[in-house]
Amino acid sequence: MAIHRLDLDEFDEIDYYLMAIHTSLEDYRLAYFINKNLPINLSKSKNEIHAQTKEGEANFSRFYYYDAEKAVSWNLIQNKNEIISVSKNDSQDLFSNETSEVSTTIHLLPEFKKVDFFLKIENSEEALDFSEIQQQLNTIESIAAIYAVDTDKIKSKNNLIF
């Protein structure tokens, strides 16, 4: 009797390119400047990325564009989001009804806490020159830094599946 083995390496293949962006711009302004510098048209997606952590739940904004000619998907993803939790004071004082708000920052990819946004380019097998894209995005004044992320170093890859 023959033994059949399944090779699951095909499913582990990463078919996207990830760029980290450091900027003080709001998400919609960054999308505008990226659209202006690259031949794409990122638009706000109604499907935000939902993440659950021990601190709480958060939704991260997402801007999406699909290039049908090259069959390439572009995603601009927010990495930082603040959740505000309300806690009641348990003291039996005169002011025992006071509540306090605690703000906690949650990251989509916790191993990259200083990154503000990620630009995820999917299904881009030799269709694009990533160094050229990086050079064009470096011309945006409000971007402090932009660089490629080594996808092998990402521990929370499941957060990038959407």
N, C-alpha and C. Protein backbone atom coordinates (compact mmCIF):
# COMPACT_ATOMS: atom_id res chain seq x y z
N MET A 1 0.84 -1.18 0.00
CA MET A 1 0.00 0.00 0.00
C MET A 1 0.89 1.25 0.00
N ALA A 2 0.58 2.18 -0.86
CA ALA A 2 1.39 3.40 -0.99
C ALA A 2 1.00 4.41 0.07
N ILE A 3 1.99 5.17 0.50
CA ILE A 3 1.76 6.24 1.48
C ILE A 3 1.70 7.56 0.73
N HIS A 4 0.65 8.30 0.95
CA HIS A 4 0.48 9.60 0.30
C HIS A 4 0.76 10.70 1.32
N ARG A 5 1.56 11.65 0.91
CA ARG A 5 1.88 12.78 1.79
C ARG A 5 1.42 14.07 1.13
N LEU A 6 0.91 14.94 1.95
CA LEU A 6 0.53 16.26 1.47
C LEU A 6 1.62 17.24 1.85
N ASP A 7 2.02 18.03 0.89
CA ASP A 7 3.02 19.05 1.14
C ASP A 7 2.29 20.38 1.34
N LEU A 8 2.33 20.89 2.55
CA LEU A 8 1.59 22.12 2.87
C LEU A 8 2.42 23.38 2.69
N ASP A 9 3.60 23.26 2.10
CA ASP A 9 4.45 24.43 1.90
C ASP A 9 3.81 25.45 0.98
N GLU A 10 2.96 24.99 0.07
CA GLU A 10 2.29 25.92 -0.82
C GLU A 10 1.41 26.90 -0.05
N PHE A 11 0.82 26.43 1.03
CA PHE A 11 -0.06 27.29 1.81
C PHE A 11 0.73 28.24 2.70
N ASP A 12 1.97 27.90 2.98
CA ASP A 12 2.81 28.78 3.79
C ASP A 12 3.47 29.87 2.96
N GLU A 13 3.38 29.77 1.65
CA GLU A 13 3.99 30.76 0.79
C GLU A 13 3.37 32.12 1.02
N ILE A 14 4.22 33.10 1.06
CA ILE A 14 3.74 34.47 1.25
C ILE A 14 3.72 35.13 -0.11
N ASP A 15 2.55 35.54 -0.54
CA ASP A 15 2.41 36.14 -1.86
C ASP A 15 2.12 37.63 -1.77
N TYR A 16 2.72 38.27 -0.79
CA TYR A 16 2.55 39.71 -0.67
C TYR A 16 3.87 40.37 -0.28
N TYR A 17 3.93 41.64 -0.54
CA TYR A 17 5.09 42.47 -0.20
C TYR A 17 4.59 43.49 0.80
N LEU A 18 5.34 43.72 1.86
CA LEU A 18 4.90 44.59 2.94
C LEU A 18 5.89 45.72 3.16
N MET A 19 5.37 46.95 3.16
CA MET A 19 6.20 48.13 3.42
C MET A 19 5.71 48.80 4.69
N ALA A 20 6.63 49.16 5.56
CA ALA A 20 6.31 49.87 6.79
C ALA A 20 6.45 51.37 6.55
N ILE A 21 5.50 52.14 7.06
CA ILE A 21 5.50 53.59 6.86
C ILE A 21 5.43 54.28 8.21
N HIS A 22 6.38 55.19 8.44
CA HIS A 22 6.38 56.04 9.63
C HIS A 22 5.96 57.44 9.20
N THR A 23 4.86 57.93 9.76
CA THR A 23 4.36 59.25 9.39
C THR A 23 3.44 59.78 10.48
N SER A 24 3.27 61.09 10.48
CA SER A 24 2.33 61.71 11.43
C SER A 24 1.00 62.04 10.75
N LEU A 25 0.86 61.69 9.48
CA LEU A 25 -0.37 61.98 8.72
C LEU A 25 -1.53 61.11 9.17
N GLU A 26 -2.73 61.63 9.02
CA GLU A 26 -3.93 60.83 9.22
C GLU A 26 -4.05 59.86 8.05
N ASP A 27 -4.83 58.80 8.23
CA ASP A 27 -4.93 57.76 7.21
C ASP A 27 -5.43 58.26 5.87
N TYR A 28 -6.46 59.11 5.86
CA TYR A 28 -7.01 59.60 4.60
C TYR A 28 -6.03 60.52 3.86
N ARG A 29 -5.23 61.29 4.61
CA ARG A 29 -4.24 62.17 3.98
C ARG A 29 -3.10 61.35 3.38
N LEU A 30 -2.69 60.32 4.09
CA LEU A 30 -1.63 59.46 3.56
C LEU A 30 -2.11 58.76 2.29
N ALA A 31 -3.34 58.27 2.29
CA ALA A 31 -3.90 57.62 1.10
C ALA A 31 -3.94 58.60 -0.07
N TYR A 32 -4.30 59.85 0.21
CA TYR A 32 -4.33 60.88 -0.84
C TYR A 32 -2.94 61.07 -1.46
N PHE A 33 -1.92 61.20 -0.61
CA PHE A 33 -0.56 61.43 -1.12
C PHE A 33 -0.01 60.20 -1.85
N ILE A 34 -0.36 59.02 -1.40
CA ILE A 34 0.07 57.80 -2.10
C ILE A 34 -0.60 57.74 -3.47
N ASN A 35 -1.89 58.06 -3.53
CA ASN A 35 -2.60 58.09 -4.82
C ASN A 35 -1.98 59.11 -5.77
N LYS A 36 -1.54 60.21 -5.20
CA LYS A 36 -0.96 61.28 -6.01
C LYS A 36 0.40 60.87 -6.59
N ASN A 37 1.17 60.08 -5.84
CA ASN A 37 2.53 59.71 -6.26
C ASN A 37 2.62 58.38 -7.00
N LEU A 38 1.64 57.53 -6.85
CA LEU A 38 1.64 56.24 -7.53
C LEU A 38 0.41 56.14 -8.45
N PRO A 39 0.46 55.31 -9.48
CA PRO A 39 -0.69 55.17 -10.38
C PRO A 39 -1.76 54.25 -9.81
N ILE A 40 -2.20 54.53 -8.60
CA ILE A 40 -3.25 53.74 -7.96
C ILE A 40 -4.32 54.68 -7.42
N ASN A 41 -5.43 54.10 -6.98
CA ASN A 41 -6.53 54.90 -6.45
C ASN A 41 -7.07 54.23 -5.18
N LEU A 42 -6.33 54.37 -4.08
CA LEU A 42 -6.77 53.81 -2.81
C LEU A 42 -8.04 54.50 -2.35
N SER A 43 -8.99 53.72 -1.88
CA SER A 43 -10.22 54.29 -1.32
C SER A 43 -10.55 53.56 -0.03
N LYS A 44 -11.26 54.26 0.84
CA LYS A 44 -11.59 53.72 2.17
C LYS A 44 -12.46 52.48 2.01
N SER A 45 -12.05 51.41 2.66
CA SER A 45 -12.80 50.17 2.62
C SER A 45 -13.79 50.13 3.78
N LYS A 46 -14.98 49.63 3.51
CA LYS A 46 -15.97 49.48 4.57
C LYS A 46 -15.59 48.33 5.50
N ASN A 47 -14.79 47.41 5.00
CA ASN A 47 -14.36 46.26 5.78
C ASN A 47 -13.08 46.59 6.54
N GLU A 48 -13.24 47.15 7.72
CA GLU A 48 -12.08 47.43 8.55
C GLU A 48 -11.53 46.11 9.10
N ILE A 49 -10.30 46.16 9.55
CA ILE A 49 -9.67 44.96 10.09
C ILE A 49 -9.94 44.91 11.58
N HIS A 50 -10.57 43.83 12.00
CA HIS A 50 -10.94 43.66 13.41
C HIS A 50 -9.88 42.81 14.09
N ALA A 51 -9.39 43.29 15.24
CA ALA A 51 -8.38 42.53 15.98
C ALA A 51 -8.78 42.44 17.45
N GLN A 52 -8.58 41.28 18.01
CA GLN A 52 -8.90 41.02 19.42
C GLN A 52 -7.59 40.77 20.16
N THR A 53 -7.35 41.53 21.22
CA THR A 53 -6.18 41.32 22.05
C THR A 53 -6.61 41.24 23.50
N LYS A 54 -5.65 41.01 24.38
CA LYS A 54 -5.99 40.93 25.79
C LYS A 54 -6.42 42.28 26.35
N GLU A 55 -5.99 43.37 25.71
CA GLU A 55 -6.39 44.70 26.14
C GLU A 55 -7.82 45.04 25.71
N GLY A 56 -8.29 44.42 24.65
CA GLY A 56 -9.64 44.69 24.15
C GLY A 56 -9.73 44.48 22.65
N GLU A 57 -10.80 45.00 22.06
CA GLU A 57 -11.03 44.89 20.62
C GLU A 57 -10.71 46.20 19.95
N ALA A 58 -10.24 46.11 18.71
CA ALA A 58 -9.95 47.32 17.94
C ALA A 58 -10.24 47.08 16.47
N ASN A 59 -10.62 48.14 15.79
CA ASN A 59 -10.81 48.12 14.34
C ASN A 59 -9.76 49.03 13.72
N PHE A 60 -9.05 48.51 12.73
CA PHE A 60 -8.00 49.27 12.07
C PHE A 60 -8.49 49.67 10.68
N SER A 61 -8.28 50.94 10.34
CA SER A 61 -8.76 51.42 9.04
C SER A 61 -7.96 50.78 7.92
N ARG A 62 -8.63 50.68 6.77
CA ARG A 62 -8.04 50.02 5.61
C ARG A 62 -8.46 50.76 4.36
N PHE A 63 -7.48 51.06 3.51
CA PHE A 63 -7.73 51.65 2.20
C PHE A 63 -7.32 50.61 1.17
N TYR A 64 -8.16 50.43 0.15
CA TYR A 64 -7.99 49.32 -0.78
C TYR A 64 -8.06 49.79 -2.23
N TYR A 65 -7.25 49.13 -3.08
CA TYR A 65 -7.31 49.34 -4.52
C TYR A 65 -6.93 48.03 -5.20
N TYR A 66 -7.69 47.65 -6.22
CA TYR A 66 -7.38 46.46 -7.00
C TYR A 66 -7.07 46.88 -8.43
N ASP A 67 -5.86 46.57 -8.88
CA ASP A 67 -5.43 46.86 -10.23
C ASP A 67 -5.77 45.65 -11.10
N ALA A 68 -6.87 45.74 -11.84
CA ALA A 68 -7.34 44.60 -12.64
C ALA A 68 -6.39 44.28 -13.79
N GLU A 69 -5.71 45.28 -14.31
CA GLU A 69 -4.80 45.06 -15.43
C GLU A 69 -3.61 44.18 -15.03
N LYS A 70 -3.05 44.44 -13.83
CA LYS A 70 -1.90 43.68 -13.36
C LYS A 70 -2.29 42.60 -12.34
N ALA A 71 -3.57 42.56 -11.95
CA ALA A 71 -4.09 41.63 -10.95
C ALA A 71 -3.34 41.77 -9.63
N VAL A 72 -3.19 43.01 -9.18
CA VAL A 72 -2.47 43.32 -7.96
C VAL A 72 -3.41 44.04 -6.99
N SER A 73 -3.41 43.60 -5.73
CA SER A 73 -4.21 44.26 -4.68
C SER A 73 -3.30 45.12 -3.82
N TRP A 74 -3.77 46.33 -3.54
CA TRP A 74 -3.03 47.28 -2.69
C TRP A 74 -3.87 47.53 -1.44
N ASN A 75 -3.25 47.45 -0.27
CA ASN A 75 -3.92 47.73 1.00
C ASN A 75 -3.06 48.66 1.83
N LEU A 76 -3.63 49.77 2.24
CA LEU A 76 -2.98 50.66 3.21
C LEU A 76 -3.67 50.39 4.54
N ILE A 77 -2.90 49.91 5.52
CA ILE A 77 -3.48 49.43 6.76
C ILE A 77 -2.91 50.22 7.94
N GLN A 78 -3.79 50.65 8.80
CA GLN A 78 -3.39 51.34 10.03
C GLN A 78 -2.79 50.31 10.99
N ASN A 79 -1.69 50.66 11.66
CA ASN A 79 -1.07 49.73 12.61
C ASN A 79 -1.40 50.07 14.05
N LYS A 80 -1.68 51.34 14.34
CA LYS A 80 -1.94 51.77 15.72
C LYS A 80 -3.39 52.21 15.86
N ASN A 81 -3.99 51.81 16.98
CA ASN A 81 -5.34 52.27 17.28
C ASN A 81 -5.47 52.34 18.80
N GLU A 82 -6.19 53.34 19.27
CA GLU A 82 -6.39 53.50 20.70
C GLU A 82 -7.78 53.06 21.08
N ILE A 83 -7.86 52.29 22.14
CA ILE A 83 -9.16 51.94 22.69
C ILE A 83 -9.26 52.61 24.06
N ILE A 84 -10.45 53.05 24.37
CA ILE A 84 -10.69 53.71 25.64
C ILE A 84 -11.59 52.81 26.46
N SER A 85 -11.10 52.43 27.61
CA SER A 85 -11.90 51.61 28.50
C SER A 85 -12.29 52.44 29.72
N VAL A 86 -13.49 52.23 30.16
CA VAL A 86 -14.03 52.98 31.30
C VAL A 86 -14.01 52.07 32.51
N SER A 87 -13.43 52.57 33.59
CA SER A 87 -13.40 51.78 34.81
C SER A 87 -14.00 52.60 35.95
N LYS A 88 -14.73 51.92 36.82
CA LYS A 88 -15.35 52.58 37.96
C LYS A 88 -14.45 52.43 39.17
N ASN A 89 -14.42 53.47 39.99
CA ASN A 89 -13.66 53.40 41.23
C ASN A 89 -14.47 52.62 42.25
N ASP A 90 -13.81 51.73 42.96
CA ASP A 90 -14.51 50.88 43.92
C ASP A 90 -14.50 51.44 45.34
N SER A 91 -14.07 52.64 45.50
CA SER A 91 -14.00 53.20 46.86
C SER A 91 -15.39 53.62 47.33
N GLN A 92 -15.59 53.64 48.61
CA GLN A 92 -16.87 53.99 49.22
C GLN A 92 -16.84 55.43 49.73
N ASP A 93 -16.25 56.30 48.97
CA ASP A 93 -16.15 57.70 49.37
C ASP A 93 -17.39 58.47 48.97
N LEU A 94 -17.31 59.75 49.24
CA LEU A 94 -18.37 60.66 48.84
C LEU A 94 -18.48 60.70 47.31
N PHE A 95 -17.33 60.52 46.64
CA PHE A 95 -17.28 60.59 45.18
C PHE A 95 -17.13 59.20 44.56
N SER A 96 -17.84 58.25 45.08
CA SER A 96 -17.65 56.87 44.63
C SER A 96 -18.25 56.59 43.26
N ASN A 97 -19.04 57.48 42.74
CA ASN A 97 -19.64 57.27 41.42
C ASN A 97 -18.74 57.73 40.28
N GLU A 98 -17.54 58.16 40.58
CA GLU A 98 -16.64 58.63 39.54
C GLU A 98 -16.12 57.47 38.70
N THR A 99 -15.98 57.73 37.44
CA THR A 99 -15.39 56.75 36.53
C THR A 99 -14.15 57.36 35.92
N SER A 100 -13.24 56.53 35.51
CA SER A 100 -12.04 57.03 34.86
C SER A 100 -11.87 56.31 33.53
N GLU A 101 -11.37 57.05 32.56
CA GLU A 101 -11.14 56.50 31.24
C GLU A 101 -9.65 56.20 31.08
N VAL A 102 -9.36 55.01 30.59
CA VAL A 102 -7.99 54.60 30.37
C VAL A 102 -7.81 54.34 28.88
N SER A 103 -6.82 55.01 28.28
CA SER A 103 -6.54 54.85 26.86
C SER A 103 -5.40 53.85 26.68
N THR A 104 -5.62 52.87 25.82
CA THR A 104 -4.63 51.85 25.55
C THR A 104 -4.38 51.78 24.04
N THR A 105 -3.12 51.77 23.66
CA THR A 105 -2.78 51.66 22.25
C THR A 105 -2.62 50.19 21.88
N ILE A 106 -3.32 49.79 20.82
CA ILE A 106 -3.25 48.42 20.31
C ILE A 106 -2.60 48.47 18.92
N HIS A 107 -1.76 47.48 18.64
CA HIS A 107 -1.08 47.41 17.35
C HIS A 107 -1.55 46.18 16.58
N LEU A 108 -1.74 46.36 15.28
CA LEU A 108 -2.12 45.24 14.42
C LEU A 108 -1.00 44.21 14.39
N LEU A 109 0.22 44.68 14.23
CA LEU A 109 1.41 43.82 14.31
C LEU A 109 2.24 44.31 15.50
N PRO A 110 2.08 43.68 16.66
CA PRO A 110 2.74 44.16 17.88
C PRO A 110 4.27 44.18 17.81
N GLU A 111 4.86 43.39 16.94
CA GLU A 111 6.32 43.39 16.85
C GLU A 111 6.87 44.62 16.12
N PHE A 112 5.97 45.43 15.54
CA PHE A 112 6.36 46.67 14.86
C PHE A 112 5.60 47.83 15.50
N LYS A 113 5.90 48.12 16.76
CA LYS A 113 5.13 49.12 17.51
C LYS A 113 5.37 50.55 17.04
N LYS A 114 6.48 50.83 16.41
CA LYS A 114 6.78 52.20 15.99
C LYS A 114 6.24 52.51 14.59
N VAL A 115 5.76 51.50 13.89
CA VAL A 115 5.24 51.69 12.53
C VAL A 115 3.81 52.21 12.62
N ASP A 116 3.51 53.24 11.82
CA ASP A 116 2.17 53.82 11.81
C ASP A 116 1.23 53.13 10.83
N PHE A 117 1.74 52.80 9.64
CA PHE A 117 0.92 52.17 8.60
C PHE A 117 1.74 51.11 7.87
N PHE A 118 1.02 50.18 7.25
CA PHE A 118 1.64 49.20 6.37
C PHE A 118 1.00 49.31 5.00
N LEU A 119 1.81 49.19 3.97
CA LEU A 119 1.32 49.10 2.61
C LEU A 119 1.55 47.66 2.16
N LYS A 120 0.46 46.92 2.01
CA LYS A 120 0.52 45.51 1.64
C LYS A 120 0.16 45.39 0.17
N ILE A 121 1.08 44.83 -0.61
CA ILE A 121 0.88 44.67 -2.05
C ILE A 121 0.82 43.16 -2.31
N GLU A 122 -0.34 42.68 -2.77
CA GLU A 122 -0.57 41.24 -2.93
C GLU A 122 -0.53 40.81 -4.40
N ASN A 123 -0.14 39.57 -4.61
CA ASN A 123 -0.11 38.93 -5.94
C ASN A 123 0.77 39.69 -6.92
N SER A 124 1.90 40.14 -6.44
CA SER A 124 2.75 41.00 -7.26
C SER A 124 4.02 40.28 -7.69
N GLU A 125 3.87 39.17 -8.35
CA GLU A 125 5.03 38.40 -8.79
C GLU A 125 5.69 39.07 -9.98
N GLU A 126 6.76 39.78 -9.74
CA GLU A 126 7.56 40.45 -10.76
C GLU A 126 6.79 41.48 -11.59
N ALA A 127 5.64 41.87 -11.13
CA ALA A 127 4.86 42.84 -11.89
C ALA A 127 5.25 44.28 -11.53
N LEU A 128 5.88 44.45 -10.36
CA LEU A 128 6.18 45.79 -9.88
C LEU A 128 7.63 45.89 -9.43
N ASP A 129 8.17 47.09 -9.53
CA ASP A 129 9.51 47.38 -9.04
C ASP A 129 9.37 48.04 -7.67
N PHE A 130 9.63 47.28 -6.60
CA PHE A 130 9.37 47.78 -5.26
C PHE A 130 10.33 48.88 -4.84
N SER A 131 11.55 48.85 -5.34
CA SER A 131 12.48 49.94 -5.01
C SER A 131 12.01 51.25 -5.64
N GLU A 132 11.41 51.16 -6.82
CA GLU A 132 10.85 52.36 -7.47
C GLU A 132 9.66 52.89 -6.67
N ILE A 133 8.81 52.00 -6.19
CA ILE A 133 7.67 52.40 -5.37
C ILE A 133 8.16 53.08 -4.10
N GLN A 134 9.18 52.51 -3.48
CA GLN A 134 9.73 53.08 -2.26
C GLN A 134 10.32 54.46 -2.52
N GLN A 135 11.00 54.64 -3.62
CA GLN A 135 11.58 55.94 -3.96
C GLN A 135 10.48 56.97 -4.19
N GLN A 136 9.42 56.58 -4.87
CA GLN A 136 8.32 57.52 -5.13
C GLN A 136 7.62 57.92 -3.83
N LEU A 137 7.45 56.97 -2.91
CA LEU A 137 6.80 57.29 -1.65
C LEU A 137 7.71 58.10 -0.73
N ASN A 138 9.01 57.97 -0.89
CA ASN A 138 9.95 58.77 -0.10
C ASN A 138 9.89 60.25 -0.46
N THR A 139 9.31 60.58 -1.61
CA THR A 139 9.19 61.99 -2.00
C THR A 139 8.07 62.70 -1.24
N ILE A 140 7.20 61.95 -0.57
CA ILE A 140 6.14 62.56 0.25
C ILE A 140 6.80 63.14 1.49
N GLU A 141 6.65 64.44 1.68
CA GLU A 141 7.36 65.15 2.75
C GLU A 141 7.02 64.64 4.15
N SER A 142 5.79 64.28 4.38
CA SER A 142 5.37 63.91 5.73
C SER A 142 5.71 62.48 6.12
N ILE A 143 6.27 61.72 5.19
CA ILE A 143 6.70 60.36 5.53
C ILE A 143 8.13 60.44 6.06
N ALA A 144 8.29 60.03 7.32
CA ALA A 144 9.62 60.08 7.95
C ALA A 144 10.49 58.93 7.46
N ALA A 145 9.90 57.75 7.31
CA ALA A 145 10.66 56.58 6.84
C ALA A 145 9.71 55.59 6.19
N ILE A 146 10.25 54.88 5.21
CA ILE A 146 9.51 53.79 4.56
C ILE A 146 10.52 52.72 4.20
N TYR A 147 10.19 51.48 4.52
CA TYR A 147 11.12 50.39 4.25
C TYR A 147 10.34 49.09 4.12
N ALA A 148 11.00 48.11 3.49
CA ALA A 148 10.40 46.79 3.30
C ALA A 148 10.49 46.01 4.60
N VAL A 149 9.45 45.25 4.88
CA VAL A 149 9.41 44.41 6.07
C VAL A 149 9.71 42.97 5.66
N ASP A 150 10.62 42.35 6.39
CA ASP A 150 10.93 40.94 6.15
C ASP A 150 9.77 40.12 6.72
N THR A 151 9.00 39.50 5.84
CA THR A 151 7.80 38.78 6.26
C THR A 151 8.11 37.56 7.12
N ASP A 152 9.35 37.10 7.10
CA ASP A 152 9.72 35.97 7.96
C ASP A 152 9.82 36.37 9.43
N LYS A 153 9.97 37.66 9.69
CA LYS A 153 10.10 38.15 11.07
C LYS A 153 8.76 38.50 11.71
N ILE A 154 7.69 38.39 10.93
CA ILE A 154 6.36 38.72 11.46
C ILE A 154 5.83 37.54 12.23
N LYS A 155 5.53 37.76 13.51
CA LYS A 155 5.01 36.69 14.35
C LYS A 155 3.49 36.58 14.24
N SER A 156 2.83 37.69 14.03
CA SER A 156 1.36 37.70 13.98
C SER A 156 0.88 37.84 12.54
N LYS A 157 1.27 36.90 11.68
CA LYS A 157 0.90 36.94 10.27
C LYS A 157 -0.61 36.81 10.06
N ASN A 158 -1.28 36.17 10.99
CA ASN A 158 -2.73 35.98 10.85
C ASN A 158 -3.47 37.30 10.84
N ASN A 159 -2.92 38.35 11.43
CA ASN A 159 -3.57 39.65 11.42
C ASN A 159 -3.55 40.28 10.03
N LEU A 160 -2.71 39.77 9.15
CA LEU A 160 -2.63 40.31 7.79
C LEU A 160 -3.49 39.53 6.81
N ILE A 161 -4.25 38.58 7.29
CA ILE A 161 -5.17 37.83 6.44
C ILE A 161 -6.55 38.46 6.57
N PHE A 162 -7.01 39.04 5.48
CA PHE A 162 -8.35 39.66 5.47
C PHE A 162 -8.91 39.63 4.08
